[in-house]
Structure formats: C-alpha cells, structure tokens
Amino acid sequence: MSADLRIGIIGGTGLGDALVDGMNVNDLRSHDSETPFGKPSAPIITGHFGDVPIALLQRHGKGHLLNPTAIPARANIYALKALGCTHILASGAVGSLREEIKPGDLVICDQLIDKTDGRSRTFYEQCAVHVEFSEPFCPVMRRWLLEAGQHAGQAMIHGGGTYVCMEGPSFSTRAESNMHRQWGGDLIGMTALPEARLAREAEIAYQLIALPTDYDAWRPREETADQSSLLGEIIGNLNRATAGAIDLIKSALSNVSILREHPSAAHEALRLAIWSDKSQIDPAEIKRLAVLWGRYFDS
C-alpha cells in the first residue's frame, strides 16, 4: 500500500472552491474523466502535496451548480478509484445538532444515519454485493487526522460525531431537527451519503471532516435577527471552518506514516461481500466494473 498511496480530497461547500488555491499543489494535471456512470462533478485535479500524491474534486462542480441529490456520487468515486486513490478525505458543510458543537468548529465524524431516498446507493445493480458498513468511516484515517490536529491552527476539533444525512434540498423543520437530536444525531447534512457507502464498495478508505456553519432548526434564533445578518454569520462561520479544515489537511498530509503503516479494513471490503455466484454474473458487467472489483474474478 505504501508505494501506491494516493489521497483523494473531495471539497464540499466552501472548501471545494478553496482546494487548489489553498493547498499549494505541485505537478497539477486536470482529468476530464469518463466513467460507466457518466462524468464526475468536475474535472479532477491530480498533483502532489510535498511528496504525497493527491487528487482534488469539487463535489458540487464549478460554481456550485449541483444540488445534493444531483451530485453524481458513483461517477465521482469511480473516477477517483480509476486514478488510483486509496483514501478519500472529504469535507462538507453541516448544521449542528448539539450546543457544544459550535459553528466554525471541525468534526471528525465517526457515524452516519441515512435519511436519503432519491439517490443511487450502489455500483452493483446486477448482482448481490453486501459490504460491511457498521463503521462507515475509517478509524485509521480518523486517528491520522486527530494526531495532525494537535499541530494545526486554532480550530476546535471534535473527535467524533454522528452525521444525519437528509435528502434536501430544503433544510429541516424544527420538529425534524428535534427528532434527529433524539436519534443521537450530532450534525445534519446532505452529502455524506451515498458517497461514504460507495467508497466502501470501491475499497477506498474514507473519512469526513464536517464543517458546522450554524445551529440547526432545533435552536431558536433571536427574533430580532434579520435574514441578511444571519446569512452573513453563516458565511463567516463557513469561511472560518474552511480555513481550519485546510490547515488540518495540510498538517495531516505533511505526515502520512500512519496511513502507510496501517492499511484500512476498507481496502479488503469486497473480499467476502460478493454473495452472487461469480460464474453467473454477466461477463460484460464484470468487465464494466473491473476498476472496482476486477481482482476478485479469475483473469
């Protein structure tokens, strides 16, 4: 794994636009990828941060034109896999469901609750593939980020949190927000799924840095606050969290020894997950998805 390590970085709201300018990437190359699932959200930029190969992708596309349901998550993950990504470090703006998780903080998520209902959830639609997903984020990557956070900037970093992924594009009602809190949710967002699940199906280790921009609807706002001032506050929180996330990512990329020395369980996710009789799977489908699962079939 050490010689082949490449880290894909998926930037969400805020960080997506700041990635290339903020990361000081060398040897830049743009890839206008084609996949069996169409084109990714945007051209993928590959290069090096120091001596670490990376690949940068804007989840919402250039100009943030893709709403969460329209994001081509399968094309995004497939294209990153085809470019050799072994790990994905993603970011996403979220609302906070907990008083102690303040806007502008960073959260290294450890759990997910899926409330999406309009998105393709798997690559494998012509056979039965069941990946283990009890731990949706990579514990090796989470430890890597938390250790890096000890040397990065001034952002408050929370070492865990449950992300509730809703369909959107509208935000929660107050009743829904209170329900999410009762479920044990710490954050509410719209983009972590099916992205994290697809990464597991592609045998890519995946970790999300959540960027809280405001408190969700459960927390009453001051009646005197006008919409323009609230929007300005949210944008300010997003900019602060984005700067903190870039500092954290730079610190993490400066030392990837943990990732090189400790392979993720995700890298073997398909080993016991293909339940269909392989001899009965359409050879054309095996070939179509060879980038993802080719090593599990006789050549």
Protein backbone atom coordinates (compact mmCIF):
# COMPACT_ATOMS: atom_id res chain seq x y z
CA MET A 1 0.00 0.00 0.00
CA SER A 2 2.79 2.47 0.80
CA ALA A 3 4.07 2.77 -2.75
CA ASP A 4 0.56 3.14 -4.18
CA LEU A 5 -0.96 5.54 -1.67
CA ARG A 6 -2.93 8.39 -3.23
CA ILE A 7 -5.34 10.57 -1.27
CA GLY A 8 -8.47 11.90 -2.91
CA ILE A 9 -9.79 15.12 -1.39
CA ILE A 10 -13.46 15.91 -2.00
CA GLY A 11 -14.31 19.50 -1.21
CA GLY A 12 -17.87 20.40 -0.30
CA THR A 13 -19.44 23.79 0.24
CA GLY A 14 -16.68 26.33 0.91
CA LEU A 15 -13.70 24.00 0.76
CA GLY A 16 -14.45 22.90 -2.81
CA ASP A 17 -13.65 26.35 -4.18
CA ALA A 18 -10.62 26.80 -1.92
CA LEU A 19 -8.87 23.48 -2.54
CA VAL A 20 -6.48 24.24 -5.39
CA ASP A 21 -5.61 27.77 -4.26
CA GLY A 22 -5.28 26.78 -0.62
CA MET A 23 -3.35 23.54 -0.95
CA ASN A 24 -0.16 24.58 -2.84
CA VAL A 25 -0.31 21.50 -5.05
CA ASN A 26 2.60 20.81 -7.41
CA ASP A 27 2.58 18.98 -10.76
CA LEU A 28 -1.03 19.92 -11.45
CA ARG A 29 -2.89 17.93 -14.06
CA SER A 30 -6.60 18.09 -14.92
CA HIS A 31 -8.53 14.91 -15.77
CA ASP A 32 -11.83 15.14 -17.66
CA SER A 33 -12.84 11.62 -16.67
CA GLU A 34 -15.46 9.36 -18.21
CA THR A 35 -16.95 6.52 -16.16
CA PRO A 36 -19.69 3.89 -16.61
CA PHE A 37 -21.80 6.27 -14.51
CA GLY A 38 -21.16 9.43 -16.51
CA LYS A 39 -18.82 12.30 -15.75
CA PRO A 40 -17.80 13.33 -12.22
CA SER A 41 -18.96 16.61 -10.74
CA ALA A 42 -15.93 18.43 -12.15
CA PRO A 43 -12.55 17.66 -13.69
CA ILE A 44 -10.30 16.01 -11.12
CA ILE A 45 -7.02 17.77 -10.41
CA THR A 46 -4.09 15.47 -9.57
CA GLY A 47 -0.71 16.51 -8.25
CA HIS A 48 1.50 16.32 -5.18
CA PHE A 49 1.42 17.99 -1.80
CA GLY A 50 5.05 17.60 -0.85
CA ASP A 51 5.72 14.00 -1.86
CA VAL A 52 2.14 12.80 -1.29
CA PRO A 53 0.08 12.11 -4.44
CA ILE A 54 -3.37 13.67 -4.16
CA ALA A 55 -6.48 14.16 -6.31
CA LEU A 56 -8.83 17.11 -5.80
CA LEU A 57 -12.53 17.08 -6.66
CA GLN A 58 -15.22 19.73 -6.19
CA ARG A 59 -18.30 17.79 -5.11
CA HIS A 60 -20.83 20.39 -6.27
CA GLY A 61 -18.98 21.19 -9.51
CA LYS A 62 -17.61 24.51 -10.66
CA GLY A 63 -19.82 27.34 -9.48
CA HIS A 64 -21.62 25.04 -7.01
CA LEU A 65 -24.32 24.19 -9.58
CA LEU A 66 -25.13 20.66 -8.36
CA ASN A 67 -27.61 20.33 -5.53
CA PRO A 68 -27.05 17.35 -3.19
CA THR A 69 -29.42 14.96 -4.97
CA ALA A 70 -27.89 15.79 -8.37
CA ILE A 71 -24.29 15.04 -7.33
CA PRO A 72 -23.01 12.12 -9.48
CA ALA A 73 -21.59 10.26 -6.50
CA ARG A 74 -20.99 7.00 -8.36
CA ALA A 75 -19.06 8.77 -11.12
CA ASN A 76 -17.07 10.72 -8.51
CA ILE A 77 -15.96 7.66 -6.55
CA TYR A 78 -15.37 5.53 -9.64
CA ALA A 79 -13.19 8.25 -11.21
CA LEU A 80 -11.12 8.63 -8.03
CA LYS A 81 -10.66 4.85 -7.87
CA ALA A 82 -9.60 4.79 -11.54
CA LEU A 83 -6.98 7.44 -10.77
CA GLY A 84 -5.51 5.23 -8.06
CA CYS A 85 -6.97 6.76 -4.91
CA THR A 86 -6.58 4.50 -1.88
CA HIS A 87 -8.01 7.02 0.60
CA ILE A 88 -10.61 9.76 0.39
CA LEU A 89 -10.66 12.75 2.73
CA ALA A 90 -13.97 14.57 2.30
CA SER A 91 -15.44 17.74 3.72
CA GLY A 92 -18.98 19.05 3.97
CA ALA A 93 -20.88 21.94 5.49
CA VAL A 94 -23.38 20.86 8.15
CA GLY A 95 -25.76 22.19 10.76
CA SER A 96 -25.02 21.47 14.40
CA LEU A 97 -27.49 19.47 16.50
CA ARG A 98 -25.53 19.96 19.72
CA GLU A 99 -24.85 23.08 21.76
CA GLU A 100 -21.23 22.04 22.33
CA ILE A 101 -20.52 21.72 18.59
CA LYS A 102 -20.20 25.36 17.71
CA PRO A 103 -20.34 26.94 14.25
CA GLY A 104 -16.80 27.23 12.93
CA ASP A 105 -15.62 24.07 14.72
CA LEU A 106 -14.46 20.94 12.89
CA VAL A 107 -15.88 17.46 13.50
CA ILE A 108 -14.08 14.22 12.54
CA CYS A 109 -17.22 12.12 12.10
CA ASP A 110 -17.45 8.51 13.22
CA GLN A 111 -21.07 7.50 12.47
CA LEU A 112 -23.84 8.03 9.90
CA ILE A 113 -27.63 7.87 9.79
CA ASP A 114 -29.08 7.64 6.28
CA LYS A 115 -32.28 9.58 5.54
CA THR A 116 -31.73 9.89 1.79
CA ASP A 117 -34.31 8.41 -0.56
CA GLY A 118 -33.63 9.62 -4.11
CA ARG A 119 -30.06 8.53 -4.80
CA SER A 120 -28.34 5.53 -6.34
CA ARG A 121 -26.88 3.62 -3.40
CA THR A 122 -24.63 1.02 -5.05
CA PHE A 123 -22.40 0.32 -8.02
CA TYR A 124 -23.57 -3.29 -8.16
CA GLU A 125 -27.09 -3.40 -9.56
CA GLN A 126 -26.86 -6.72 -11.41
CA CYS A 127 -25.71 -8.88 -8.53
CA ALA A 128 -25.74 -9.06 -4.73
CA VAL A 129 -22.86 -7.25 -3.04
CA HIS A 130 -23.15 -6.56 0.70
CA VAL A 131 -20.25 -4.61 2.21
CA GLU A 132 -19.69 -4.32 5.95
CA PHE A 133 -20.65 -0.78 6.97
CA SER A 134 -21.02 -0.80 10.75
CA GLU A 135 -18.08 1.63 10.93
CA PRO A 136 -18.74 3.92 7.94
CA PHE A 137 -15.59 5.99 8.42
CA CYS A 138 -12.02 4.73 8.52
CA PRO A 139 -10.62 4.59 12.09
CA VAL A 140 -7.05 4.75 10.77
CA MET A 141 -7.78 7.99 8.93
CA ARG A 142 -9.62 9.40 11.94
CA ARG A 143 -6.57 8.74 14.16
CA TRP A 144 -4.33 10.30 11.48
CA LEU A 145 -6.43 13.48 11.45
CA LEU A 146 -6.71 13.74 15.21
CA GLU A 147 -2.96 13.44 15.63
CA ALA A 148 -2.46 16.05 12.90
CA GLY A 149 -4.96 18.30 14.64
CA GLN A 150 -2.59 18.66 17.58
CA HIS A 151 -0.30 20.68 15.31
CA ALA A 152 -2.84 22.51 13.15
CA GLY A 153 -4.23 26.01 13.55
CA GLN A 154 -6.64 27.15 16.21
CA ALA A 155 -9.87 25.41 15.16
CA MET A 156 -11.74 23.41 17.79
CA ILE A 157 -11.70 19.78 16.59
CA HIS A 158 -14.25 17.24 17.84
CA GLY A 159 -13.00 13.66 17.63
CA GLY A 160 -16.33 12.07 16.76
CA GLY A 161 -19.90 12.79 15.79
CA THR A 162 -22.94 11.20 14.21
CA TYR A 163 -23.88 12.76 10.87
CA VAL A 164 -27.54 12.54 9.80
CA CYS A 165 -27.69 12.67 6.01
CA MET A 166 -31.00 14.00 4.70
CA GLU A 167 -32.20 14.25 1.11
CA GLY A 168 -32.77 18.01 0.96
CA PRO A 169 -32.53 20.39 -0.74
CA SER A 170 -34.64 22.24 1.85
CA PHE A 171 -33.46 22.30 5.44
CA SER A 172 -35.16 20.51 8.36
CA THR A 173 -38.33 21.57 10.09
CA ARG A 174 -37.95 22.24 13.81
CA ALA A 175 -39.82 19.00 14.58
CA GLU A 176 -37.45 17.04 12.33
CA SER A 177 -34.43 18.70 13.90
CA ASN A 178 -35.59 17.74 17.39
CA MET A 179 -36.21 14.19 16.15
CA HIS A 180 -32.67 13.97 14.77
CA ARG A 181 -31.35 15.03 18.18
CA GLN A 182 -33.43 12.31 19.86
CA TRP A 183 -31.98 9.77 17.42
CA GLY A 184 -28.49 10.64 18.65
CA GLY A 185 -27.50 12.82 15.70
CA ASP A 186 -24.85 15.46 16.26
CA LEU A 187 -24.78 17.00 12.78
CA ILE A 188 -27.18 17.32 9.86
CA GLY A 189 -26.04 17.46 6.24
CA MET A 190 -26.95 16.35 2.73
CA THR A 191 -23.84 14.94 1.04
CA ALA A 192 -22.04 12.23 3.06
CA LEU A 193 -24.26 9.53 1.57
CA PRO A 194 -24.17 7.62 -0.67
CA GLU A 195 -20.58 8.90 -1.01
CA ALA A 196 -19.23 7.06 2.05
CA ARG A 197 -21.00 3.82 1.15
CA LEU A 198 -19.78 3.93 -2.44
CA ALA A 199 -16.22 4.50 -1.24
CA ARG A 200 -16.52 1.31 0.83
CA GLU A 201 -17.84 -0.58 -2.21
CA ALA A 202 -14.79 0.69 -4.13
CA GLU A 203 -12.45 -0.45 -1.32
CA ILE A 204 -11.31 3.10 -0.62
CA ALA A 205 -10.75 4.23 2.97
CA TYR A 206 -12.98 7.25 3.64
CA GLN A 207 -13.13 9.95 6.31
CA LEU A 208 -15.27 13.09 6.55
CA ILE A 209 -14.39 16.42 8.14
CA ALA A 210 -17.68 18.17 8.90
CA LEU A 211 -17.79 21.98 8.91
CA PRO A 212 -20.65 23.29 11.11
CA THR A 213 -21.91 26.62 9.75
CA ASP A 214 -24.83 27.21 12.14
CA TYR A 215 -27.13 25.53 14.64
CA ASP A 216 -29.94 23.57 13.01
CA ALA A 217 -33.62 24.46 13.43
CA TRP A 218 -33.89 22.92 16.94
CA ARG A 219 -32.21 26.01 18.41
CA PRO A 220 -34.46 29.10 18.26
CA ARG A 221 -32.91 32.15 16.63
CA GLU A 222 -33.16 35.65 18.02
CA GLU A 223 -36.36 37.23 16.73
CA THR A 224 -34.52 40.49 16.06
CA ALA A 225 -32.05 38.87 13.67
CA ASP A 226 -32.73 39.64 10.02
CA GLN A 227 -32.06 37.21 7.18
CA SER A 228 -29.13 39.13 5.71
CA SER A 229 -27.29 39.24 9.02
CA LEU A 230 -27.94 35.52 9.57
CA LEU A 231 -26.57 34.71 6.13
CA GLY A 232 -23.50 36.82 6.80
CA GLU A 233 -22.96 34.98 10.07
CA ILE A 234 -23.28 31.58 8.36
CA ILE A 235 -20.84 32.57 5.60
CA GLY A 236 -18.41 33.84 8.21
CA ASN A 237 -18.62 30.54 10.10
CA LEU A 238 -18.12 28.62 6.87
CA ASN A 239 -15.05 30.66 5.97
CA ARG A 240 -13.61 30.10 9.45
CA ALA A 241 -14.27 26.35 9.32
CA THR A 242 -12.86 26.16 5.78
CA ALA A 243 -9.62 27.83 6.86
CA GLY A 244 -9.39 25.45 9.79
CA ALA A 245 -10.03 22.44 7.55
CA ILE A 246 -7.31 23.48 5.11
CA ASP A 247 -4.85 23.89 8.00
CA LEU A 248 -5.81 20.43 9.29
CA ILE A 249 -5.49 18.79 5.87
CA LYS A 250 -2.08 20.38 5.28
CA SER A 251 -0.89 19.22 8.69
CA ALA A 252 -2.16 15.69 8.02
CA LEU A 253 -0.57 15.49 4.57
CA SER A 254 2.78 16.51 5.99
CA ASN A 255 2.98 13.11 7.70
CA VAL A 256 1.12 10.15 6.21
CA SER A 257 3.15 7.47 8.01
CA ILE A 258 0.05 6.19 9.83
CA LEU A 259 -1.70 5.57 6.52
CA ARG A 260 1.35 3.89 5.03
CA GLU A 261 1.92 1.62 8.01
CA HIS A 262 -1.70 0.68 8.79
CA PRO A 263 -3.87 -0.46 5.88
CA SER A 264 -7.55 0.21 6.29
CA ALA A 265 -10.07 -2.62 6.56
CA ALA A 266 -11.87 -0.84 3.74
CA HIS A 267 -9.13 -1.94 1.36
CA GLU A 268 -10.48 -5.51 1.59
CA ALA A 269 -14.18 -4.63 1.75
CA LEU A 270 -15.23 -6.79 -1.19
CA ARG A 271 -13.33 -9.92 -0.16
CA LEU A 272 -16.41 -11.51 1.47
CA ALA A 273 -19.05 -9.13 0.13
CA ILE A 274 -19.82 -10.64 -3.30
CA TRP A 275 -22.63 -13.06 -2.48
CA SER A 276 -23.68 -13.86 -6.04
CA ASP A 277 -22.32 -16.91 -7.83
CA LYS A 278 -19.49 -15.27 -9.76
CA SER A 279 -19.88 -17.70 -12.63
CA GLN A 280 -23.41 -16.44 -13.13
CA ILE A 281 -22.60 -12.72 -13.23
CA ASP A 282 -22.75 -11.24 -16.72
CA PRO A 283 -19.16 -11.08 -18.05
CA ALA A 284 -19.93 -7.69 -19.57
CA GLU A 285 -20.81 -6.39 -16.10
CA ILE A 286 -17.63 -7.83 -14.65
CA LYS A 287 -15.65 -6.03 -17.31
CA ARG A 288 -17.65 -2.79 -16.97
CA LEU A 289 -16.83 -2.57 -13.27
CA ALA A 290 -13.34 -4.09 -13.45
CA VAL A 291 -11.77 -0.98 -11.90
CA LEU A 292 -13.77 -1.69 -8.74
CA TRP A 293 -13.82 -5.47 -8.38
CA GLY A 294 -11.68 -6.96 -11.12
CA ARG A 295 -9.16 -8.56 -8.76
CA TYR A 296 -11.87 -10.87 -7.36
CA PHE A 297 -12.52 -12.58 -10.67
CA ASP A 298 -10.34 -15.09 -12.49
CA SER A 299 -8.49 -13.44 -15.34
